[in-house]
N, C-alpha and C. Protein backbone atom coordinates (compact mmCIF):
# COMPACT_ATOMS: atom_id res chain seq x y z
N MET A 1 -0.08 -13.05 6.08
CA MET A 1 -0.25 -11.99 7.06
C MET A 1 -1.73 -11.68 7.19
N PRO A 2 -2.28 -11.83 8.38
CA PRO A 2 -3.69 -11.43 8.55
C PRO A 2 -3.84 -9.93 8.33
N LEU A 3 -4.92 -9.56 7.67
CA LEU A 3 -5.15 -8.14 7.41
C LEU A 3 -5.58 -7.40 8.65
N ILE A 4 -6.31 -8.08 9.52
CA ILE A 4 -6.75 -7.45 10.77
C ILE A 4 -6.48 -8.43 11.90
N GLN A 5 -5.71 -7.97 12.89
CA GLN A 5 -5.43 -8.77 14.07
C GLN A 5 -6.00 -8.00 15.25
N GLY A 6 -7.18 -8.36 15.70
CA GLY A 6 -7.80 -7.60 16.77
C GLY A 6 -8.12 -6.21 16.28
N ASP A 7 -7.63 -5.22 16.98
CA ASP A 7 -7.86 -3.82 16.62
C ASP A 7 -6.84 -3.28 15.64
N LYS A 8 -5.80 -4.05 15.34
CA LYS A 8 -4.71 -3.53 14.52
C LYS A 8 -4.73 -4.12 13.12
N PRO A 9 -4.68 -3.25 12.11
CA PRO A 9 -4.60 -3.77 10.74
C PRO A 9 -3.17 -4.20 10.43
N GLY A 10 -3.03 -5.15 9.51
CA GLY A 10 -1.72 -5.46 8.98
C GLY A 10 -1.38 -4.42 7.93
N VAL A 11 -0.12 -4.05 7.82
CA VAL A 11 0.29 -3.04 6.85
C VAL A 11 1.23 -3.67 5.84
N LEU A 12 0.88 -3.51 4.56
CA LEU A 12 1.70 -4.02 3.47
C LEU A 12 2.05 -2.85 2.56
N PHE A 13 3.33 -2.55 2.44
CA PHE A 13 3.84 -1.52 1.54
C PHE A 13 4.24 -2.21 0.25
N ILE A 14 3.71 -1.75 -0.88
CA ILE A 14 4.05 -2.34 -2.18
C ILE A 14 4.86 -1.34 -2.98
N SER A 15 6.08 -1.72 -3.32
CA SER A 15 6.94 -0.86 -4.14
C SER A 15 6.61 -1.05 -5.61
N LEU A 16 6.57 0.06 -6.32
CA LEU A 16 6.36 0.05 -7.77
C LEU A 16 7.68 0.19 -8.52
N ASP A 17 8.80 0.01 -7.82
CA ASP A 17 10.12 0.20 -8.41
C ASP A 17 11.01 -1.03 -8.15
N PRO A 18 10.71 -2.16 -8.81
CA PRO A 18 11.50 -3.35 -8.55
C PRO A 18 12.96 -3.24 -8.99
N GLU A 19 13.26 -2.28 -9.87
CA GLU A 19 14.65 -2.10 -10.30
C GLU A 19 15.55 -1.66 -9.15
N ARG A 20 15.04 -0.80 -8.28
CA ARG A 20 15.84 -0.26 -7.19
C ARG A 20 15.48 -0.83 -5.82
N ASP A 21 14.25 -1.29 -5.67
CA ASP A 21 13.77 -1.72 -4.36
C ASP A 21 13.84 -3.24 -4.22
N THR A 22 14.97 -3.71 -3.71
CA THR A 22 15.09 -5.13 -3.41
C THR A 22 14.28 -5.43 -2.15
N LEU A 23 13.99 -6.69 -1.91
CA LEU A 23 13.26 -7.05 -0.70
C LEU A 23 14.04 -6.67 0.56
N ASP A 24 15.38 -6.77 0.52
CA ASP A 24 16.18 -6.34 1.68
C ASP A 24 16.03 -4.84 1.94
N LYS A 25 16.10 -4.04 0.87
CA LYS A 25 15.94 -2.59 1.03
C LYS A 25 14.54 -2.25 1.53
N LEU A 26 13.53 -2.93 0.98
CA LEU A 26 12.16 -2.67 1.41
C LEU A 26 11.97 -3.05 2.87
N GLY A 27 12.58 -4.15 3.29
CA GLY A 27 12.48 -4.55 4.68
C GLY A 27 13.07 -3.51 5.61
N GLU A 28 14.22 -2.98 5.25
CA GLU A 28 14.85 -1.92 6.05
C GLU A 28 13.95 -0.68 6.08
N TYR A 29 13.40 -0.32 4.94
CA TYR A 29 12.57 0.88 4.83
C TYR A 29 11.31 0.77 5.69
N THR A 30 10.60 -0.34 5.56
CA THR A 30 9.34 -0.47 6.30
C THR A 30 9.58 -0.60 7.79
N LYS A 31 10.67 -1.25 8.20
CA LYS A 31 10.96 -1.40 9.63
C LYS A 31 11.22 -0.04 10.27
N TRP A 32 11.68 0.92 9.49
CA TRP A 32 11.91 2.27 10.01
C TRP A 32 10.59 2.87 10.48
N PHE A 33 9.49 2.57 9.78
CA PHE A 33 8.17 3.06 10.18
C PHE A 33 7.63 2.27 11.35
N ASN A 34 7.68 0.92 11.23
CA ASN A 34 7.15 0.06 12.27
C ASN A 34 7.65 -1.36 11.99
N PRO A 35 8.20 -2.03 12.99
CA PRO A 35 8.73 -3.38 12.76
C PRO A 35 7.70 -4.40 12.28
N SER A 36 6.42 -4.14 12.49
CA SER A 36 5.40 -5.10 12.06
C SER A 36 4.99 -4.92 10.60
N PHE A 37 5.42 -3.84 9.94
CA PHE A 37 5.04 -3.61 8.56
C PHE A 37 5.73 -4.61 7.64
N GLU A 38 5.03 -5.01 6.60
CA GLU A 38 5.56 -5.92 5.59
C GLU A 38 5.75 -5.16 4.29
N ALA A 39 6.58 -5.71 3.38
CA ALA A 39 6.84 -5.06 2.10
C ALA A 39 6.85 -6.10 0.99
N ALA A 40 6.50 -5.65 -0.20
CA ALA A 40 6.49 -6.54 -1.37
C ALA A 40 6.73 -5.72 -2.62
N THR A 41 7.14 -6.40 -3.67
CA THR A 41 7.23 -5.83 -5.00
C THR A 41 7.01 -6.98 -5.98
N GLY A 42 7.19 -6.73 -7.23
CA GLY A 42 7.00 -7.79 -8.22
C GLY A 42 7.51 -7.33 -9.55
N ASP A 43 7.26 -8.14 -10.57
CA ASP A 43 7.66 -7.72 -11.91
C ASP A 43 6.64 -6.70 -12.42
N ILE A 44 7.01 -5.97 -13.43
CA ILE A 44 6.18 -4.87 -13.93
C ILE A 44 4.79 -5.34 -14.36
N PRO A 45 4.64 -6.44 -15.11
CA PRO A 45 3.28 -6.87 -15.47
C PRO A 45 2.41 -7.17 -14.24
N SER A 46 2.98 -7.78 -13.22
CA SER A 46 2.21 -8.08 -12.00
C SER A 46 1.85 -6.80 -11.26
N LEU A 47 2.79 -5.86 -11.19
CA LEU A 47 2.51 -4.58 -10.53
C LEU A 47 1.42 -3.82 -11.28
N ASN A 48 1.48 -3.84 -12.61
CA ASN A 48 0.45 -3.16 -13.42
C ASN A 48 -0.93 -3.77 -13.16
N LYS A 49 -0.99 -5.09 -13.10
CA LYS A 49 -2.26 -5.78 -12.87
C LYS A 49 -2.82 -5.43 -11.48
N ALA A 50 -1.98 -5.46 -10.46
CA ALA A 50 -2.42 -5.13 -9.10
C ALA A 50 -2.83 -3.66 -9.01
N ALA A 51 -2.04 -2.77 -9.60
CA ALA A 51 -2.36 -1.34 -9.56
C ALA A 51 -3.70 -1.07 -10.25
N GLN A 52 -3.92 -1.70 -11.39
CA GLN A 52 -5.17 -1.49 -12.11
C GLN A 52 -6.35 -1.99 -11.27
N ALA A 53 -6.20 -3.13 -10.62
CA ALA A 53 -7.27 -3.69 -9.80
C ALA A 53 -7.62 -2.79 -8.62
N MET A 54 -6.64 -2.03 -8.15
CA MET A 54 -6.87 -1.16 -6.99
C MET A 54 -7.10 0.30 -7.38
N GLY A 55 -7.10 0.59 -8.67
CA GLY A 55 -7.34 1.95 -9.12
C GLY A 55 -6.17 2.89 -8.89
N ILE A 56 -4.96 2.34 -8.91
CA ILE A 56 -3.76 3.14 -8.68
C ILE A 56 -3.14 3.51 -10.02
N ALA A 57 -2.90 4.79 -10.20
CA ALA A 57 -2.20 5.28 -11.39
C ALA A 57 -0.72 5.42 -11.05
N TRP A 58 0.15 4.98 -11.94
CA TRP A 58 1.58 5.15 -11.71
C TRP A 58 2.34 5.12 -13.03
N SER A 59 3.51 5.72 -13.01
CA SER A 59 4.36 5.70 -14.19
C SER A 59 5.80 5.96 -13.79
N LYS A 60 6.69 5.48 -14.62
CA LYS A 60 8.12 5.74 -14.45
C LYS A 60 8.42 7.01 -15.24
N VAL A 61 8.98 8.02 -14.58
CA VAL A 61 9.25 9.31 -15.19
C VAL A 61 10.77 9.49 -15.30
N GLU A 62 11.25 9.45 -16.53
CA GLU A 62 12.69 9.61 -16.77
C GLU A 62 13.11 11.05 -16.56
N ASP A 63 14.30 11.25 -16.01
CA ASP A 63 14.89 12.58 -15.87
C ASP A 63 15.68 12.87 -17.15
N GLU A 64 15.29 13.93 -17.84
CA GLU A 64 15.94 14.26 -19.12
C GLU A 64 17.41 14.60 -18.98
N ASN A 65 17.83 15.03 -17.78
CA ASN A 65 19.20 15.50 -17.59
C ASN A 65 20.12 14.48 -16.94
N SER A 66 19.62 13.28 -16.69
CA SER A 66 20.47 12.25 -16.07
C SER A 66 19.89 10.87 -16.38
N ASP A 67 20.56 9.85 -15.85
CA ASP A 67 20.08 8.49 -16.01
C ASP A 67 19.09 8.12 -14.91
N ASN A 68 18.74 9.06 -14.07
CA ASN A 68 17.85 8.81 -12.95
C ASN A 68 16.39 8.85 -13.39
N TYR A 69 15.52 8.40 -12.54
CA TYR A 69 14.09 8.44 -12.81
C TYR A 69 13.34 8.49 -11.48
N GLN A 70 12.08 8.83 -11.57
CA GLN A 70 11.20 8.82 -10.41
C GLN A 70 9.99 7.95 -10.74
N ILE A 71 9.35 7.48 -9.70
CA ILE A 71 8.10 6.76 -9.86
C ILE A 71 6.99 7.70 -9.39
N ALA A 72 6.15 8.13 -10.32
CA ALA A 72 5.00 8.99 -9.98
C ALA A 72 3.83 8.05 -9.72
N HIS A 73 3.11 8.29 -8.62
CA HIS A 73 2.02 7.38 -8.28
C HIS A 73 0.96 8.05 -7.43
N THR A 74 -0.19 7.43 -7.41
CA THR A 74 -1.29 7.85 -6.55
C THR A 74 -0.83 7.70 -5.10
N SER A 75 -1.21 8.63 -4.25
CA SER A 75 -0.77 8.61 -2.85
C SER A 75 -1.87 8.17 -1.91
N TRP A 76 -2.53 7.10 -2.26
CA TRP A 76 -3.62 6.59 -1.43
C TRP A 76 -3.13 5.52 -0.49
N VAL A 77 -3.81 5.41 0.63
CA VAL A 77 -3.70 4.25 1.50
C VAL A 77 -4.98 3.46 1.24
N ILE A 78 -4.84 2.19 0.96
CA ILE A 78 -5.99 1.37 0.61
C ILE A 78 -6.23 0.35 1.72
N LEU A 79 -7.46 0.30 2.18
CA LEU A 79 -7.86 -0.64 3.23
C LEU A 79 -8.56 -1.82 2.58
N LEU A 80 -7.99 -3.02 2.79
CA LEU A 80 -8.61 -4.24 2.31
C LEU A 80 -9.29 -4.92 3.49
N ASN A 81 -10.44 -5.52 3.23
CA ASN A 81 -11.11 -6.26 4.29
C ASN A 81 -10.49 -7.66 4.40
N PRO A 82 -10.89 -8.46 5.39
CA PRO A 82 -10.30 -9.79 5.54
C PRO A 82 -10.47 -10.70 4.33
N SER A 83 -11.40 -10.37 3.44
CA SER A 83 -11.59 -11.14 2.20
C SER A 83 -10.74 -10.60 1.06
N ALA A 84 -9.83 -9.66 1.37
CA ALA A 84 -8.93 -9.03 0.41
C ALA A 84 -9.67 -8.22 -0.64
N GLN A 85 -10.82 -7.68 -0.28
CA GLN A 85 -11.57 -6.77 -1.15
C GLN A 85 -11.32 -5.34 -0.66
N ILE A 86 -11.30 -4.40 -1.60
CA ILE A 86 -11.11 -3.00 -1.21
C ILE A 86 -12.29 -2.55 -0.37
N GLN A 87 -11.99 -2.06 0.81
CA GLN A 87 -13.02 -1.57 1.72
C GLN A 87 -13.06 -0.05 1.71
N ALA A 88 -11.89 0.59 1.54
CA ALA A 88 -11.84 2.05 1.55
C ALA A 88 -10.53 2.53 0.94
N TRP A 89 -10.58 3.74 0.39
CA TRP A 89 -9.40 4.46 -0.07
C TRP A 89 -9.25 5.69 0.83
N PHE A 90 -8.05 5.92 1.31
CA PHE A 90 -7.76 7.13 2.09
C PHE A 90 -6.87 8.01 1.21
N SER A 91 -7.41 9.16 0.81
CA SER A 91 -6.64 10.07 -0.03
C SER A 91 -5.94 11.11 0.84
N PRO A 92 -4.89 11.73 0.32
CA PRO A 92 -4.19 12.77 1.09
C PRO A 92 -5.11 13.94 1.38
N PRO A 93 -4.89 14.66 2.44
CA PRO A 93 -3.83 14.43 3.42
C PRO A 93 -4.18 13.26 4.33
N HIS A 94 -3.18 12.48 4.71
CA HIS A 94 -3.38 11.33 5.57
C HIS A 94 -3.27 11.79 7.02
N LEU A 95 -4.42 12.06 7.60
CA LEU A 95 -4.49 12.54 8.98
C LEU A 95 -4.71 11.34 9.90
N PRO A 96 -3.72 10.98 10.71
CA PRO A 96 -3.78 9.75 11.50
C PRO A 96 -5.03 9.58 12.35
N GLN A 97 -5.45 10.62 13.05
CA GLN A 97 -6.62 10.48 13.92
C GLN A 97 -7.89 10.22 13.11
N GLU A 98 -8.05 10.92 12.01
CA GLU A 98 -9.23 10.71 11.16
C GLU A 98 -9.20 9.33 10.51
N MET A 99 -8.03 8.91 10.06
CA MET A 99 -7.91 7.59 9.46
C MET A 99 -8.22 6.50 10.48
N ALA A 100 -7.74 6.68 11.70
CA ALA A 100 -8.00 5.69 12.76
C ALA A 100 -9.49 5.62 13.06
N GLN A 101 -10.15 6.77 13.14
CA GLN A 101 -11.59 6.78 13.40
C GLN A 101 -12.35 6.10 12.26
N ASP A 102 -11.97 6.40 11.02
CA ASP A 102 -12.62 5.77 9.87
C ASP A 102 -12.38 4.26 9.88
N PHE A 103 -11.15 3.86 10.17
CA PHE A 103 -10.83 2.43 10.22
C PHE A 103 -11.69 1.73 11.27
N MET A 104 -11.80 2.32 12.45
CA MET A 104 -12.58 1.70 13.53
C MET A 104 -14.05 1.58 13.13
N ALA A 105 -14.58 2.60 12.47
CA ALA A 105 -15.98 2.55 12.03
C ALA A 105 -16.17 1.45 10.98
N ILE A 106 -15.24 1.35 10.05
CA ILE A 106 -15.31 0.30 9.03
C ILE A 106 -15.18 -1.07 9.69
N ARG A 107 -14.19 -1.21 10.57
CA ARG A 107 -13.99 -2.49 11.26
C ARG A 107 -15.23 -2.90 12.03
N ASP A 108 -15.80 -1.96 12.76
CA ASP A 108 -16.96 -2.26 13.61
C ASP A 108 -18.21 -2.60 12.81
N ASN A 109 -18.28 -2.14 11.55
CA ASN A 109 -19.46 -2.37 10.73
C ASN A 109 -19.24 -3.38 9.62
N HIS A 110 -18.04 -3.95 9.57
CA HIS A 110 -17.72 -4.92 8.51
C HIS A 110 -18.55 -6.20 8.70
N GLN A 111 -19.18 -6.61 7.64
CA GLN A 111 -19.93 -7.86 7.62
C GLN A 111 -19.16 -8.87 6.78
N PRO A 112 -18.64 -9.93 7.40
CA PRO A 112 -17.90 -10.91 6.61
C PRO A 112 -18.75 -11.52 5.50
N ALA A 113 -18.10 -11.81 4.38
CA ALA A 113 -18.80 -12.46 3.26
C ALA A 113 -19.15 -13.89 3.65
N ASN A 114 -20.30 -14.34 3.23
CA ASN A 114 -20.72 -15.72 3.57
C ASN A 114 -20.21 -16.71 2.55
C-alpha cells in the first residue's frame, strides 16, 4: 500500500489485540470508517517491537471482576513518510482540519531520501 497517493495518505490501522481482532473483524471495522483503510495485527512480540519503534505505550489490562480485559494504549496518529520513517505524531485531540493542514505542510516540504 503506498503511503501517499497524490494528496491522499494511505491509512493503516494496527490492532494491539490479536486475541480478539481477527483480520476479518478488522476489515469490517476499518471499512466502517472508510473503504480505503487497511488493517493489520500480529503476534505479541511483533506488536511490541513495532510499538517500541514508534514510541507507542500499550498494555493489556485485566478486569478484576470478569474474564474480560481492555487494551490501554497511546492515542496517537502517526504519519510515516514514503520511506516508512516517522514524519510526525498527532496527539489528541485529533482535530481533522488542523491535522489536514499539518499533513499538507509536511507533504509539501517532504524531501525524499537519496
